[in-house]
PDB file of N, CA and C in Angstrom:
ATOM      1  N   MET A   1       1.065  -1.134  -0.151  1.00  0.00           N
ATOM      2  CA  MET A   1      -0.120  -0.238   0.040  1.00  0.00           C
ATOM      3  C   MET A   1       0.962   1.439   0.001  1.00  0.00           C
ATOM      4  N   ALA A   2       0.531   2.113  -0.692  1.00  0.00           N
ATOM      5  CA  ALA A   2       1.480   3.508  -1.111  1.00  0.00           C
ATOM      6  C   ALA A   2       0.848   4.478   0.154  1.00  0.00           C
ATOM      7  N   GLY A   3       1.916   5.167   0.539  1.00  0.00           N
ATOM      8  CA  GLY A   3       1.744   6.072   1.513  1.00  0.00           C
ATOM      9  C   GLY A   3       1.737   7.388   0.760  1.00  0.00           C
ATOM     10  N   PRO A   4       1.370   8.482   1.650  1.00  0.00           N
ATOM     11  CA  PRO A   4       0.946   9.683   0.986  1.00  0.00           C
ATOM     12  C   PRO A   4       2.248  10.163   0.066  1.00  0.00           C
ATOM     13  N   SER A   5       3.409   9.767   0.867  1.00  0.00           N
ATOM     14  CA  SER A   5       4.583  10.628   0.267  1.00  0.00           C
ATOM     15  C   SER A   5       4.911   9.792  -1.247  1.00  0.00           C
ATOM     16  N   ASP A   6       4.273   8.759  -1.297  1.00  0.00           N
ATOM     17  CA  ASP A   6       4.492   7.910  -2.526  1.00  0.00           C
ATOM     18  C   ASP A   6       3.551   8.113  -3.660  1.00  0.00           C
ATOM     19  N   ARG A   7       2.512   8.908  -3.203  1.00  0.00           N
ATOM     20  CA  ARG A   7       1.499   9.325  -4.151  1.00  0.00           C
ATOM     21  C   ARG A   7       2.185  10.350  -5.304  1.00  0.00           C
ATOM     22  N   HIS A   8       1.803  10.576  -6.622  1.00  0.00           N
ATOM     23  CA  HIS A   8       1.907  11.598  -7.280  1.00  0.00           C
ATOM     24  C   HIS A   8       0.849  11.369  -8.601  1.00  0.00           C
ATOM     25  N   PRO A   9       0.398  12.384  -9.052  1.00  0.00           N
ATOM     26  CA  PRO A   9      -0.485  12.213 -10.220  1.00  0.00           C
ATOM     27  C   PRO A   9       0.033  11.379 -11.554  1.00  0.00           C
ATOM     28  N   GLY A  10      -0.795  10.698 -12.169  1.00  0.00           N
ATOM     29  CA  GLY A  10      -0.465  10.088 -13.564  1.00  0.00           C
ATOM     30  C   GLY A  10      -1.651  11.008 -14.297  1.00  0.00           C
ATOM     31  N   VAL A  11      -1.281  10.694 -15.780  1.00  0.00           N
ATOM     32  CA  VAL A  11      -1.902  11.198 -16.687  1.00  0.00           C
ATOM     33  C   VAL A  11      -2.367  10.266 -17.900  1.00  0.00           C
ATOM     34  N   ARG A  12      -3.732  10.279 -18.051  1.00  0.00           N
ATOM     35  CA  ARG A  12      -4.097   8.762 -18.963  1.00  0.00           C
ATOM     36  C   ARG A  12      -4.417   9.943 -20.163  1.00  0.00           C
ATOM     37  N   VAL A  13      -3.997   9.398 -21.348  1.00  0.00           N
ATOM     38  CA  VAL A  13      -4.289  10.265 -22.573  1.00  0.00           C
ATOM     39  C   VAL A  13      -5.082   9.144 -23.568  1.00  0.00           C
ATOM     40  N   HIS A  14      -5.810  10.080 -23.966  1.00  0.00           N
ATOM     41  CA  HIS A  14      -7.122   9.291 -24.929  1.00  0.00           C
ATOM     42  C   HIS A  14      -7.139  10.099 -26.285  1.00  0.00           C
ATOM     43  N   GLU A  15      -7.471   9.254 -27.178  1.00  0.00           N
ATOM     44  CA  GLU A  15      -7.627   9.794 -28.827  1.00  0.00           C
ATOM     45  C   GLU A  15      -9.109   9.338 -29.161  1.00  0.00           C
ATOM     46  N   ILE A  16      -9.946   9.976 -29.919  1.00  0.00           N
ATOM     47  CA  ILE A  16     -11.048   9.669 -30.929  1.00  0.00           C
ATOM     48  C   ILE A  16     -10.881   8.695 -31.676  1.00  0.00           C
ATOM     49  N   ASP A  17     -11.297   7.407 -31.541  1.00  0.00           N
ATOM     50  CA  ASP A  17     -11.260   6.505 -32.687  1.00  0.00           C
ATOM     51  C   ASP A  17     -12.005   6.885 -33.947  1.00  0.00           C
ATOM     52  N   PRO A  18     -11.364   7.165 -35.057  1.00  0.00           N
ATOM     53  CA  PRO A  18     -12.256   7.358 -36.243  1.00  0.00           C
ATOM     54  C   PRO A  18     -13.210   6.689 -36.546  1.00  0.00           C
ATOM     55  N   VAL A  19     -13.052   5.463 -36.697  1.00  0.00           N
ATOM     56  CA  VAL A  19     -13.915   4.264 -36.896  1.00  0.00           C
ATOM     57  C   VAL A  19     -14.966   4.205 -36.146  1.00  0.00           C
ATOM     58  N   ASN A  20     -14.771   4.128 -34.854  1.00  0.00           N
ATOM     59  CA  ASN A  20     -15.826   3.614 -33.741  1.00  0.00           C
ATOM     60  C   ASN A  20     -16.417   5.026 -33.161  1.00  0.00           C
ATOM     61  N   ARG A  21     -15.846   6.000 -33.508  1.00  0.00           N
ATOM     62  CA  ARG A  21     -15.815   7.435 -32.917  1.00  0.00           C
ATOM     63  C   ARG A  21     -16.287   7.263 -31.271  1.00  0.00           C
ATOM     64  N   THR A  22     -15.332   6.491 -30.618  1.00  0.00           N
ATOM     65  CA  THR A  22     -15.294   6.359 -29.105  1.00  0.00           C
ATOM     66  C   THR A  22     -13.665   6.948 -28.720  1.00  0.00           C
ATOM     67  N   TYR A  23     -13.688   7.193 -27.623  1.00  0.00           N
ATOM     68  CA  TYR A  23     -12.347   7.541 -26.858  1.00  0.00           C
ATOM     69  C   TYR A  23     -11.587   6.175 -26.462  1.00  0.00           C
ATOM     70  N   THR A  24     -10.320   6.134 -27.097  1.00  0.00           N
ATOM     71  CA  THR A  24      -9.567   4.862 -26.798  1.00  0.00           C
ATOM     72  C   THR A  24      -8.191   5.373 -26.176  1.00  0.00           C
ATOM     73  N   LEU A  25      -7.940   4.468 -25.142  1.00  0.00           N
ATOM     74  CA  LEU A  25      -6.432   4.942 -24.397  1.00  0.00           C
ATOM     75  C   LEU A  25      -5.216   4.697 -25.339  1.00  0.00           C
ATOM     76  N   THR A  26      -4.486   5.914 -25.382  1.00  0.00           N
ATOM     77  CA  THR A  26      -3.445   5.566 -26.164  1.00  0.00           C
ATOM     78  C   THR A  26      -1.795   5.813 -25.398  1.00  0.00           C
ATOM     79  N   GLY A  27      -2.119   6.054 -23.953  1.00  0.00           N
ATOM     80  CA  GLY A  27      -0.917   6.152 -23.348  1.00  0.00           C
ATOM     81  C   GLY A  27      -1.186   6.593 -21.731  1.00  0.00           C
ATOM     82  N   GLY A  28      -0.114   6.090 -20.748  1.00  0.00           N
ATOM     83  CA  GLY A  28      -0.135   6.613 -19.555  1.00  0.00           C
ATOM     84  C   GLY A  28       1.007   7.180 -19.163  1.00  0.00           C
ATOM     85  N   HIS A  29       1.105   8.330 -18.201  1.00  0.00           N
ATOM     86  CA  HIS A  29       2.428   8.901 -18.047  1.00  0.00           C
ATOM     87  C   HIS A  29       2.183   9.267 -16.655  1.00  0.00           C
ATOM     88  N   HIS A  30       3.522   9.081 -15.596  1.00  0.00           N
ATOM     89  CA  HIS A  30       3.507   9.044 -14.368  1.00  0.00           C
ATOM     90  C   HIS A  30       4.938  10.083 -13.881  1.00  0.00           C
ATOM     91  N   ASP A  31       5.687   9.994 -14.692  1.00  0.00           N
ATOM     92  CA  ASP A  31       6.924  11.031 -14.186  1.00  0.00           C
ATOM     93  C   ASP A  31       6.989  12.386 -15.127  1.00  0.00           C
ATOM     94  N   LYS A  32       6.394  11.974 -16.492  1.00  0.00           N
ATOM     95  CA  LYS A  32       6.605  12.974 -17.275  1.00  0.00           C
ATOM     96  C   LYS A  32       5.626  13.072 -18.570  1.00  0.00           C
ATOM     97  N   LEU A  33       5.014  14.018 -18.870  1.00  0.00           N
ATOM     98  CA  LEU A  33       4.023  13.976 -19.553  1.00  0.00           C
ATOM     99  C   LEU A  33       4.692  14.690 -21.139  1.00  0.00           C
ATOM    100  N   ASP A  34       5.015  13.753 -22.035  1.00  0.00           N
ATOM    101  CA  ASP A  34       5.713  14.147 -23.311  1.00  0.00           C
ATOM    102  C   ASP A  34       4.790  13.806 -24.314  1.00  0.00           C
ATOM    103  N   LEU A  35       4.146  14.619 -25.194  1.00  0.00           N
ATOM    104  CA  LEU A  35       3.301  14.426 -26.510  1.00  0.00           C
ATOM    105  C   LEU A  35       3.736  15.263 -27.408  1.00  0.00           C
ATOM    106  N   ARG A  36       3.274  14.863 -28.644  1.00  0.00           N
ATOM    107  CA  ARG A  36       3.512  15.591 -29.861  1.00  0.00           C
ATOM    108  C   ARG A  36       2.199  16.137 -30.433  1.00  0.00           C
ATOM    109  N   MET A  37       1.154  15.077 -30.193  1.00  0.00           N
ATOM    110  CA  MET A  37      -0.444  15.408 -30.894  1.00  0.00           C
ATOM    111  C   MET A  37      -1.334  15.615 -29.682  1.00  0.00           C
ATOM    112  N   PRO A  38      -2.273  16.577 -29.781  1.00  0.00           N
ATOM    113  CA  PRO A  38      -2.392  17.540 -30.788  1.00  0.00           C
ATOM    114  C   PRO A  38      -1.502  18.636 -30.624  1.00  0.00           C
ATOM    115  N   TYR A  39      -0.613  18.967 -29.454  1.00  0.00           N
ATOM    116  CA  TYR A  39       0.252  20.010 -29.299  1.00  0.00           C
ATOM    117  C   TYR A  39       1.461  19.430 -28.643  1.00  0.00           C
ATOM    118  N   ASP A  40       2.600  20.118 -28.704  1.00  0.00           N
ATOM    119  CA  ASP A  40       4.022  19.681 -28.193  1.00  0.00           C
ATOM    120  C   ASP A  40       3.662  20.045 -26.606  1.00  0.00           C
ATOM    121  N   ILE A  41       3.816  19.064 -26.008  1.00  0.00           N
ATOM    122  CA  ILE A  41       3.806  19.145 -24.322  1.00  0.00           C
ATOM    123  C   ILE A  41       4.876  18.262 -23.808  1.00  0.00           C
ATOM    124  N   ASP A  42       5.828  18.849 -22.963  1.00  0.00           N
ATOM    125  CA  ASP A  42       6.820  18.187 -22.207  1.00  0.00           C
ATOM    126  C   ASP A  42       6.803  18.961 -20.769  1.00  0.00           C
ATOM    127  N   VAL A  43       6.194  18.032 -19.861  1.00  0.00           N
ATOM    128  CA  VAL A  43       5.861  18.611 -18.722  1.00  0.00           C
ATOM    129  C   VAL A  43       6.404  17.523 -17.732  1.00  0.00           C
ATOM    130  N   GLY A  44       7.207  17.905 -16.671  1.00  0.00           N
ATOM    131  CA  GLY A  44       7.463  16.981 -15.567  1.00  0.00           C
ATOM    132  C   GLY A  44       6.264  16.755 -14.582  1.00  0.00           C
ATOM    133  N   ILE A  45       5.863  15.513 -14.275  1.00  0.00           N
ATOM    134  CA  ILE A  45       4.614  15.748 -13.338  1.00  0.00           C
ATOM    135  C   ILE A  45       4.940  14.465 -12.128  1.00  0.00           C
ATOM    136  N   GLY A  46       6.088  14.473 -11.951  1.00  0.00           N
ATOM    137  CA  GLY A  46       6.650  13.631 -10.983  1.00  0.00           C
ATOM    138  C   GLY A  46       6.782  14.094  -9.630  1.00  0.00           C
ATOM    139  N   SER A  47       6.911  13.592  -8.365  1.00  0.00           N
ATOM    140  CA  SER A  47       6.968  14.109  -7.122  1.00  0.00           C
ATOM    141  C   SER A  47       7.787  15.137  -7.119  1.00  0.00           C
ATOM    142  N   ASP A  48       9.214  15.255  -7.490  1.00  0.00           N
ATOM    143  CA  ASP A  48      10.044  16.169  -7.548  1.00  0.00           C
ATOM    144  C   ASP A  48       9.680  17.423  -8.345  1.00  0.00           C
ATOM    145  N   ALA A  49       8.826  17.339  -9.611  1.00  0.00           N
ATOM    146  CA  ALA A  49       8.508  18.364 -10.361  1.00  0.00           C
ATOM    147  C   ALA A  49       7.318  19.153  -9.525  1.00  0.00           C
ATOM    148  N   LEU A  50       6.480  18.490  -8.758  1.00  0.00           N
ATOM    149  CA  LEU A  50       5.276  19.041  -7.970  1.00  0.00           C
ATOM    150  C   LEU A  50       5.836  19.830  -6.928  1.00  0.00           C
ATOM    151  N   LYS A  51       6.782  19.240  -6.004  1.00  0.00           N
ATOM    152  CA  LYS A  51       7.306  20.079  -5.005  1.00  0.00           C
ATOM    153  C   LYS A  51       8.003  21.383  -5.462  1.00  0.00           C
ATOM    154  N   ALA A  52       8.393  21.266  -6.469  1.00  0.00           N
ATOM    155  CA  ALA A  52       9.117  22.418  -7.101  1.00  0.00           C
ATOM    156  C   ALA A  52       8.258  23.806  -7.540  1.00  0.00           C
ATOM    157  N   LEU A  53       7.141  23.512  -7.506  1.00  0.00           N
ATOM    158  CA  LEU A  53       5.805  24.475  -7.789  1.00  0.00           C
ATOM    159  C   LEU A  53       5.733  24.953  -6.588  1.00  0.00           C
TER     160      LEU A  53
END
């Protein structure tokens, strides 16, 4: 079981499937969010990055 200091956010990325017109999971990120579509995104989301805020 994870304690409060072990918790940090995660990001799940979804895209619309053009055939089924439903959202489909395309990735999960826990320490760094690094995407190129639909925009270039490169953001630290780990515990250290959040403490720096």
